[in-house]
Amino acid sequence: MEDLIYKKIIHDLKKRIFNNEFPTMRLPDERSLTTEYDVSRSSVKRALSSMAHEGIVFKKRGSGTFINPLYLKSQSSFNYEGSNLGITDSLKSNGKKQGIKVLDFSVVPATENMKTDLFLNEGDFVYQVRRLRLLDDEPIMIETGYIPIKIVPELSKASVEKSIFNYLEDAQGQHVTRSFMSIQVEPSNAEDQKLLGLTENEPVGVMSGIFFMDDGTPFEISNMRIHYKYMNYSTFVSVD
């Protein structure tokens, strides 16, 4: 429970940072955050320490905790942190309107690879969900996902027109909190060029892998083909 609390604090503070809620670049002190989030002082300390370790903030003795400006400059369009790894919550839209166009929502038999990766049995079926993500009506990503029907048997087209991870949280009280993802760049194919507005010579970013629920259950195999201008990977390295 304490793990979930401090992660929620981190997730919310990051969201507020990118919403420019701290124009002075200084976070509220620990006592204020403890009152604001109605949590223990230790949860706040743990959250701020974790953020400092990641390079998101730094502590200046006698002055408080400040946002690292390099963190703001170096982040990619996607910020996978906190209690929900969904694109809807993780995409930093910078005030732009997010949109989803459903390209396909169907039920298909699980392939042998899906059975292995999602721990499925012979005869199990999965939802095949293909969506186009937009910012201010501009296409940025083609998503293809496969979700076991037995995990969310009542998933509907109306649900996949919004955040699937938020639906899982609201319907079943479970969170998608971990993922194993590979990131690479490939030449764009004909569909990428048509849906993302790319030319034949322009590349596409690819993120693919598996998302897991907080109890360790594999939830989705996902492939995301991203317009190259939204593809930027950054990380922080600590030298002890």
C-alpha atoms as a PDB file:
ATOM      1  CA  MET A   1       0.000   0.000   0.000  1.00  0.00           C
ATOM      2  CA  GLU A   2       2.819   2.410   0.876  1.00  0.00           C
ATOM      3  CA  ASP A   3       4.480   1.636  -2.485  1.00  0.00           C
ATOM      4  CA  LEU A   4       1.319   2.637  -4.320  1.00  0.00           C
ATOM      5  CA  ILE A   5       0.935   5.862  -2.301  1.00  0.00           C
ATOM      6  CA  TYR A   6       4.427   7.186  -3.002  1.00  0.00           C
ATOM      7  CA  LYS A   7       4.158   6.269  -6.694  1.00  0.00           C
ATOM      8  CA  LYS A   8       0.878   8.165  -6.941  1.00  0.00           C
ATOM      9  CA  ILE A   9       2.569  11.224  -5.421  1.00  0.00           C
ATOM     10  CA  ILE A  10       5.368  10.976  -8.011  1.00  0.00           C
ATOM     11  CA  HIS A  11       2.879  10.545 -10.851  1.00  0.00           C
ATOM     12  CA  ASP A  12       0.849  13.569  -9.746  1.00  0.00           C
ATOM     13  CA  LEU A  13       3.879  15.799  -9.163  1.00  0.00           C
ATOM     14  CA  LYS A  14       5.224  14.974 -12.621  1.00  0.00           C
ATOM     15  CA  LYS A  15       1.882  15.835 -14.157  1.00  0.00           C
ATOM     16  CA  ARG A  16       1.827  19.143 -12.291  1.00  0.00           C
ATOM     17  CA  ILE A  17       5.407  19.887 -13.319  1.00  0.00           C
ATOM     18  CA  PHE A  18       4.528  19.514 -16.990  1.00  0.00           C
ATOM     19  CA  ASN A  19       1.373  21.590 -16.476  1.00  0.00           C
ATOM     20  CA  ASN A  20       3.660  24.416 -15.288  1.00  0.00           C
ATOM     21  CA  GLU A  21       2.061  24.543 -11.835  1.00  0.00           C
ATOM     22  CA  PHE A  22       5.425  25.476 -10.282  1.00  0.00           C
ATOM     23  CA  PRO A  23       6.579  28.569 -12.223  1.00  0.00           C
ATOM     24  CA  THR A  24       9.331  29.292  -9.683  1.00  0.00           C
ATOM     25  CA  MET A  25      10.683  25.728 -10.262  1.00  0.00           C
ATOM     26  CA  ARG A  26      10.445  25.146  -6.502  1.00  0.00           C
ATOM     27  CA  LEU A  27       8.217  22.398  -5.091  1.00  0.00           C
ATOM     28  CA  PRO A  28       6.180  22.881  -1.900  1.00  0.00           C
ATOM     29  CA  ASP A  29       7.983  21.765   1.247  1.00  0.00           C
ATOM     30  CA  GLU A  30       7.486  18.278   2.687  1.00  0.00           C
ATOM     31  CA  ARG A  31       5.036  19.427   5.354  1.00  0.00           C
ATOM     32  CA  SER A  32       2.835  21.168   2.779  1.00  0.00           C
ATOM     33  CA  LEU A  33       2.882  18.129   0.481  1.00  0.00           C
ATOM     34  CA  THR A  34       2.043  15.851   3.416  1.00  0.00           C
ATOM     35  CA  THR A  35      -1.051  17.943   4.140  1.00  0.00           C
ATOM     36  CA  GLU A  36      -2.000  18.368   0.491  1.00  0.00           C
ATOM     37  CA  TYR A  37      -1.868  14.655  -0.328  1.00  0.00           C
ATOM     38  CA  ASP A  38      -3.113  13.589   3.127  1.00  0.00           C
ATOM     39  CA  VAL A  39      -0.330  11.017   3.512  1.00  0.00           C
ATOM     40  CA  SER A  40       2.488  10.279   5.929  1.00  0.00           C
ATOM     41  CA  ARG A  41       5.669  12.362   5.930  1.00  0.00           C
ATOM     42  CA  SER A  42       7.644   9.213   5.076  1.00  0.00           C
ATOM     43  CA  SER A  43       5.640   8.717   1.849  1.00  0.00           C
ATOM     44  CA  VAL A  44       6.437  12.263   0.752  1.00  0.00           C
ATOM     45  CA  LYS A  45      10.125  11.845   1.649  1.00  0.00           C
ATOM     46  CA  ARG A  46      10.281   8.605  -0.319  1.00  0.00           C
ATOM     47  CA  ALA A  47       8.605  10.202  -3.353  1.00  0.00           C
ATOM     48  CA  LEU A  48      10.961  13.201  -3.382  1.00  0.00           C
ATOM     49  CA  SER A  49      14.021  11.009  -2.823  1.00  0.00           C
ATOM     50  CA  SER A  50      13.030   8.807  -5.744  1.00  0.00           C
ATOM     51  CA  MET A  51      12.492  11.844  -7.965  1.00  0.00           C
ATOM     52  CA  ALA A  52      15.874  13.237  -6.936  1.00  0.00           C
ATOM     53  CA  HIS A  53      17.536   9.890  -7.728  1.00  0.00           C
ATOM     54  CA  GLU A  54      15.973   9.986 -11.226  1.00  0.00           C
ATOM     55  CA  GLY A  55      17.245  13.514 -11.774  1.00  0.00           C
ATOM     56  CA  ILE A  56      13.784  15.068 -11.897  1.00  0.00           C
ATOM     57  CA  VAL A  57      14.379  17.341  -8.909  1.00  0.00           C
ATOM     58  CA  PHE A  58      17.324  18.377  -6.776  1.00  0.00           C
ATOM     59  CA  LYS A  59      17.495  19.463  -3.163  1.00  0.00           C
ATOM     60  CA  LYS A  60      19.293  22.642  -2.220  1.00  0.00           C
ATOM     61  CA  ARG A  61      20.192  22.701   1.456  1.00  0.00           C
ATOM     62  CA  GLY A  62      18.307  25.411   3.291  1.00  0.00           C
ATOM     63  CA  SER A  63      16.274  26.429   0.239  1.00  0.00           C
ATOM     64  CA  GLY A  64      14.051  23.486  -0.664  1.00  0.00           C
ATOM     65  CA  THR A  65      13.434  21.099  -3.549  1.00  0.00           C
ATOM     66  CA  PHE A  66      13.697  22.391  -7.121  1.00  0.00           C
ATOM     67  CA  ILE A  67      12.772  21.026 -10.537  1.00  0.00           C
ATOM     68  CA  ASN A  68      15.751  20.093 -12.684  1.00  0.00           C
ATOM     69  CA  PRO A  69      15.411  22.236 -15.863  1.00  0.00           C
ATOM     70  CA  LEU A  70      17.380  19.646 -17.841  1.00  0.00           C
ATOM     71  CA  TYR A  71      14.664  17.108 -17.068  1.00  0.00           C
ATOM     72  CA  LEU A  72      12.048  19.320 -18.704  1.00  0.00           C
ATOM     73  CA  LYS A  73      14.218  19.869 -21.777  1.00  0.00           C
ATOM     74  CA  SER A  74      15.275  16.272 -22.306  1.00  0.00           C
ATOM     75  CA  GLN A  75      12.007  14.391 -21.929  1.00  0.00           C
ATOM     76  CA  SER A  76      10.428  12.530 -24.806  1.00  0.00           C
ATOM     77  CA  SER A  77       6.766  12.872 -25.759  1.00  0.00           C
ATOM     78  CA  PHE A  78       5.974   9.930 -23.498  1.00  0.00           C
ATOM     79  CA  ASN A  79       6.386   9.843 -19.759  1.00  0.00           C
ATOM     80  CA  TYR A  80       5.844   6.287 -18.500  1.00  0.00           C
ATOM     81  CA  GLU A  81       5.734   6.615 -14.737  1.00  0.00           C
ATOM     82  CA  GLY A  82       3.383   6.251 -11.790  1.00  0.00           C
ATOM     83  CA  SER A  83       0.406   3.961 -11.306  1.00  0.00           C
ATOM     84  CA  ASN A  84      -0.835   4.014 -14.892  1.00  0.00           C
ATOM     85  CA  LEU A  85       1.268   3.422 -18.006  1.00  0.00           C
ATOM     86  CA  GLY A  86      -1.443   4.217 -20.529  1.00  0.00           C
ATOM     87  CA  ILE A  87      -0.689   6.487 -23.468  1.00  0.00           C
ATOM     88  CA  THR A  88      -3.606   8.779 -22.589  1.00  0.00           C
ATOM     89  CA  ASP A  89      -2.092   9.591 -19.187  1.00  0.00           C
ATOM     90  CA  SER A  90       1.540   9.350 -20.295  1.00  0.00           C
ATOM     91  CA  LEU A  91       1.435  11.458 -23.451  1.00  0.00           C
ATOM     92  CA  LYS A  92       2.608  15.003 -22.786  1.00  0.00           C
ATOM     93  CA  SER A  93       0.243  16.867 -25.122  1.00  0.00           C
ATOM     94  CA  ASN A  94       1.352  20.388 -24.109  1.00  0.00           C
ATOM     95  CA  GLY A  95      -2.206  21.675 -24.223  1.00  0.00           C
ATOM     96  CA  LYS A  96      -3.127  19.889 -27.450  1.00  0.00           C
ATOM     97  CA  LYS A  97      -6.359  17.907 -27.692  1.00  0.00           C
ATOM     98  CA  GLN A  98      -5.867  14.134 -27.721  1.00  0.00           C
ATOM     99  CA  GLY A  99      -7.970  11.984 -29.993  1.00  0.00           C
ATOM    100  CA  ILE A 100      -8.407   8.286 -30.811  1.00  0.00           C
ATOM    101  CA  LYS A 101      -9.699   6.787 -34.060  1.00  0.00           C
ATOM    102  CA  VAL A 102     -10.495   3.065 -33.832  1.00  0.00           C
ATOM    103  CA  LEU A 103      -9.188   1.280 -36.937  1.00  0.00           C
ATOM    104  CA  ASP A 104     -10.180  -2.228 -35.854  1.00  0.00           C
ATOM    105  CA  PHE A 105     -11.817  -3.850 -32.838  1.00  0.00           C
ATOM    106  CA  SER A 106     -12.288  -7.591 -33.239  1.00  0.00           C
ATOM    107  CA  VAL A 107     -11.861 -10.955 -31.552  1.00  0.00           C
ATOM    108  CA  VAL A 108      -9.222 -13.356 -32.881  1.00  0.00           C
ATOM    109  CA  PRO A 109      -7.716 -16.667 -31.721  1.00  0.00           C
ATOM    110  CA  ALA A 110      -4.491 -16.324 -29.752  1.00  0.00           C
ATOM    111  CA  THR A 111      -1.396 -17.243 -31.744  1.00  0.00           C
ATOM    112  CA  GLU A 112       1.288 -19.492 -30.311  1.00  0.00           C
ATOM    113  CA  ASN A 113       3.434 -16.444 -29.449  1.00  0.00           C
ATOM    114  CA  MET A 114       0.490 -14.769 -27.723  1.00  0.00           C
ATOM    115  CA  LYS A 115      -0.183 -17.910 -25.680  1.00  0.00           C
ATOM    116  CA  THR A 116       3.415 -17.854 -24.472  1.00  0.00           C
ATOM    117  CA  ASP A 117       3.664 -14.117 -23.789  1.00  0.00           C
ATOM    118  CA  LEU A 118       0.204 -13.700 -22.230  1.00  0.00           C
ATOM    119  CA  PHE A 119       0.091 -17.109 -20.441  1.00  0.00           C
ATOM    120  CA  LEU A 120      -2.959 -18.250 -22.403  1.00  0.00           C
ATOM    121  CA  ASN A 121      -4.368 -21.725 -22.964  1.00  0.00           C
ATOM    122  CA  GLU A 122      -5.272 -23.592 -26.113  1.00  0.00           C
ATOM    123  CA  GLY A 123      -8.521 -22.181 -27.493  1.00  0.00           C
ATOM    124  CA  ASP A 124      -8.208 -18.785 -25.778  1.00  0.00           C
ATOM    125  CA  PHE A 125      -9.162 -15.655 -27.693  1.00  0.00           C
ATOM    126  CA  VAL A 126      -7.888 -12.098 -27.564  1.00  0.00           C
ATOM    127  CA  TYR A 127      -9.193  -8.687 -28.515  1.00  0.00           C
ATOM    128  CA  GLN A 128      -7.347  -7.198 -31.470  1.00  0.00           C
ATOM    129  CA  VAL A 129      -7.368  -3.425 -31.063  1.00  0.00           C
ATOM    130  CA  ARG A 130      -5.904  -1.113 -33.692  1.00  0.00           C
ATOM    131  CA  ARG A 131      -6.107   2.636 -33.080  1.00  0.00           C
ATOM    132  CA  LEU A 132      -4.769   5.853 -34.513  1.00  0.00           C
ATOM    133  CA  ARG A 133      -3.667   8.438 -31.936  1.00  0.00           C
ATOM    134  CA  LEU A 134      -4.042  12.123 -32.741  1.00  0.00           C
ATOM    135  CA  LEU A 135      -3.017  15.484 -31.282  1.00  0.00           C
ATOM    136  CA  ASP A 136      -5.192  18.369 -32.460  1.00  0.00           C
ATOM    137  CA  ASP A 137      -6.421  16.024 -35.226  1.00  0.00           C
ATOM    138  CA  GLU A 138      -2.833  15.392 -36.388  1.00  0.00           C
ATOM    139  CA  PRO A 139      -1.958  11.641 -36.513  1.00  0.00           C
ATOM    140  CA  ILE A 140       1.024  10.713 -34.357  1.00  0.00           C
ATOM    141  CA  MET A 141       0.811   6.969 -33.644  1.00  0.00           C
ATOM    142  CA  ILE A 142      -0.623   3.676 -34.890  1.00  0.00           C
ATOM    143  CA  GLU A 143      -1.310   1.292 -31.987  1.00  0.00           C
ATOM    144  CA  THR A 144      -1.911  -2.444 -32.325  1.00  0.00           C
ATOM    145  CA  GLY A 145      -2.714  -4.325 -29.138  1.00  0.00           C
ATOM    146  CA  TYR A 146      -3.807  -7.823 -28.147  1.00  0.00           C
ATOM    147  CA  ILE A 147      -5.659  -8.245 -24.824  1.00  0.00           C
ATOM    148  CA  PRO A 148      -6.926 -11.559 -23.368  1.00  0.00           C
ATOM    149  CA  ILE A 149     -10.734 -11.646 -23.325  1.00  0.00           C
ATOM    150  CA  LYS A 150     -10.711 -13.472 -19.988  1.00  0.00           C
ATOM    151  CA  ILE A 151      -9.120 -10.421 -18.300  1.00  0.00           C
ATOM    152  CA  VAL A 152     -11.684  -7.867 -19.533  1.00  0.00           C
ATOM    153  CA  PRO A 153     -14.646  -9.878 -20.906  1.00  0.00           C
ATOM    154  CA  GLU A 154     -16.902  -6.826 -21.228  1.00  0.00           C
ATOM    155  CA  LEU A 155     -14.524  -4.605 -23.208  1.00  0.00           C
ATOM    156  CA  SER A 156     -16.477  -2.718 -25.869  1.00  0.00           C
ATOM    157  CA  LYS A 157     -15.742  -0.477 -28.834  1.00  0.00           C
ATOM    158  CA  ALA A 158     -16.888   2.498 -26.761  1.00  0.00           C
ATOM    159  CA  SER A 159     -14.240   1.606 -24.159  1.00  0.00           C
ATOM    160  CA  VAL A 160     -11.392   1.389 -26.653  1.00  0.00           C
ATOM    161  CA  GLU A 161     -12.303   4.809 -28.032  1.00  0.00           C
ATOM    162  CA  LYS A 162     -10.910   6.079 -24.724  1.00  0.00           C
ATOM    163  CA  SER A 163      -8.150   4.908 -22.361  1.00  0.00           C
ATOM    164  CA  ILE A 164      -8.230   1.110 -22.003  1.00  0.00           C
ATOM    165  CA  PHE A 165      -5.966   1.244 -18.950  1.00  0.00           C
ATOM    166  CA  ASN A 166      -8.291   3.732 -17.248  1.00  0.00           C
ATOM    167  CA  TYR A 167     -11.211   1.433 -18.073  1.00  0.00           C
ATOM    168  CA  LEU A 168      -9.373  -1.458 -16.405  1.00  0.00           C
ATOM    169  CA  GLU A 169      -8.771   0.689 -13.334  1.00  0.00           C
ATOM    170  CA  ASP A 170     -12.376   1.876 -13.116  1.00  0.00           C
ATOM    171  CA  ALA A 171     -13.994  -1.482 -13.910  1.00  0.00           C
ATOM    172  CA  GLN A 172     -11.732  -3.814 -11.955  1.00  0.00           C
ATOM    173  CA  GLY A 173      -9.638  -1.619  -9.679  1.00  0.00           C
ATOM    174  CA  GLN A 174      -6.385  -2.851 -11.219  1.00  0.00           C
ATOM    175  CA  HIS A 175      -3.507  -0.837 -12.640  1.00  0.00           C
ATOM    176  CA  VAL A 176      -1.034  -1.453 -15.434  1.00  0.00           C
ATOM    177  CA  THR A 177       2.209  -0.591 -13.691  1.00  0.00           C
ATOM    178  CA  ARG A 178       5.033  -2.361 -15.509  1.00  0.00           C
ATOM    179  CA  SER A 179       6.144  -3.001 -19.050  1.00  0.00           C
ATOM    180  CA  PHE A 180       8.938  -4.627 -20.989  1.00  0.00           C
ATOM    181  CA  MET A 181       9.435  -2.542 -24.117  1.00  0.00           C
ATOM    182  CA  SER A 182      11.876  -2.403 -27.014  1.00  0.00           C
ATOM    183  CA  ILE A 183      12.470   0.876 -28.862  1.00  0.00           C
ATOM    184  CA  GLN A 184      13.809   1.144 -32.375  1.00  0.00           C
ATOM    185  CA  VAL A 185      13.520   3.005 -35.668  1.00  0.00           C
ATOM    186  CA  GLU A 186      12.513   1.455 -38.998  1.00  0.00           C
ATOM    187  CA  PRO A 187      11.842   2.610 -42.552  1.00  0.00           C
ATOM    188  CA  SER A 188       8.164   3.578 -42.777  1.00  0.00           C
ATOM    189  CA  ASN A 189       5.867   1.208 -44.641  1.00  0.00           C
ATOM    190  CA  ALA A 190       2.917   2.050 -46.893  1.00  0.00           C
ATOM    191  CA  GLU A 191       0.430   2.089 -43.990  1.00  0.00           C
ATOM    192  CA  ASP A 192       2.687   4.335 -41.884  1.00  0.00           C
ATOM    193  CA  GLN A 193       2.950   6.763 -44.770  1.00  0.00           C
ATOM    194  CA  LYS A 194      -0.798   6.771 -45.358  1.00  0.00           C
ATOM    195  CA  LEU A 195      -1.941   7.087 -41.740  1.00  0.00           C
ATOM    196  CA  LEU A 196       0.892   9.199 -40.291  1.00  0.00           C
ATOM    197  CA  GLY A 197       1.466  11.438 -43.295  1.00  0.00           C
ATOM    198  CA  LEU A 198       5.049  10.304 -43.866  1.00  0.00           C
ATOM    199  CA  THR A 199       6.974  10.299 -47.134  1.00  0.00           C
ATOM    200  CA  GLU A 200       8.712   7.218 -48.510  1.00  0.00           C
ATOM    201  CA  ASN A 201      12.068   8.448 -47.220  1.00  0.00           C
ATOM    202  CA  GLU A 202      10.920   9.228 -43.682  1.00  0.00           C
ATOM    203  CA  PRO A 203      11.373   6.704 -40.816  1.00  0.00           C
ATOM    204  CA  VAL A 204       8.991   5.628 -38.096  1.00  0.00           C
ATOM    205  CA  GLY A 205       9.682   4.992 -34.406  1.00  0.00           C
ATOM    206  CA  VAL A 206       8.598   1.616 -33.047  1.00  0.00           C
ATOM    207  CA  MET A 207       7.855   0.711 -29.419  1.00  0.00           C
ATOM    208  CA  SER A 208       6.800  -2.894 -28.819  1.00  0.00           C
ATOM    209  CA  GLY A 209       6.472  -5.154 -25.821  1.00  0.00           C
ATOM    210  CA  ILE A 210       4.237  -6.373 -23.040  1.00  0.00           C
ATOM    211  CA  PHE A 211       2.334  -4.464 -20.354  1.00  0.00           C
ATOM    212  CA  PHE A 212       1.733  -6.052 -16.930  1.00  0.00           C
ATOM    213  CA  MET A 213      -0.871  -5.407 -14.244  1.00  0.00           C
ATOM    214  CA  ASP A 214       0.155  -4.654 -10.671  1.00  0.00           C
ATOM    215  CA  ASP A 215      -0.320  -8.318  -9.677  1.00  0.00           C
ATOM    216  CA  GLY A 216       2.138  -9.414 -12.377  1.00  0.00           C
ATOM    217  CA  THR A 217      -0.457 -10.658 -14.880  1.00  0.00           C
ATOM    218  CA  PRO A 218       0.442  -9.889 -18.520  1.00  0.00           C
ATOM    219  CA  PHE A 219      -2.298  -7.577 -19.794  1.00  0.00           C
ATOM    220  CA  GLU A 220      -1.411  -6.618 -23.346  1.00  0.00           C
ATOM    221  CA  ILE A 221       1.013  -7.229 -26.179  1.00  0.00           C
ATOM    222  CA  SER A 222       1.447  -3.873 -27.863  1.00  0.00           C
ATOM    223  CA  ASN A 223       3.096  -2.419 -30.953  1.00  0.00           C
ATOM    224  CA  MET A 224       3.203   1.352 -31.424  1.00  0.00           C
ATOM    225  CA  ARG A 225       4.412   2.939 -34.653  1.00  0.00           C
ATOM    226  CA  ILE A 226       5.162   6.597 -33.979  1.00  0.00           C
ATOM    227  CA  HIS A 227       5.757   9.583 -36.223  1.00  0.00           C
ATOM    228  CA  TYR A 228       9.505  10.222 -35.997  1.00  0.00           C
ATOM    229  CA  LYS A 229       9.146  13.821 -34.811  1.00  0.00           C
ATOM    230  CA  TYR A 230       7.530  12.563 -31.580  1.00  0.00           C
ATOM    231  CA  MET A 231      10.244   9.955 -30.991  1.00  0.00           C
ATOM    232  CA  ASN A 232      12.916  11.011 -28.494  1.00  0.00           C
ATOM    233  CA  TYR A 233      14.461   8.812 -25.808  1.00  0.00           C
ATOM    234  CA  SER A 234      16.247  10.247 -22.787  1.00  0.00           C
ATOM    235  CA  THR A 235      17.562   8.795 -19.550  1.00  0.00           C
ATOM    236  CA  PHE A 236      19.506   9.826 -16.467  1.00  0.00           C
ATOM    237  CA  VAL A 237      22.674   8.081 -15.308  1.00  0.00           C
ATOM    238  CA  SER A 238      23.944   8.318 -11.736  1.00  0.00           C
ATOM    239  CA  VAL A 239      27.687   7.989 -11.130  1.00  0.00           C
ATOM    240  CA  ASP A 240      28.435   6.855  -7.571  1.00  0.00           C
END
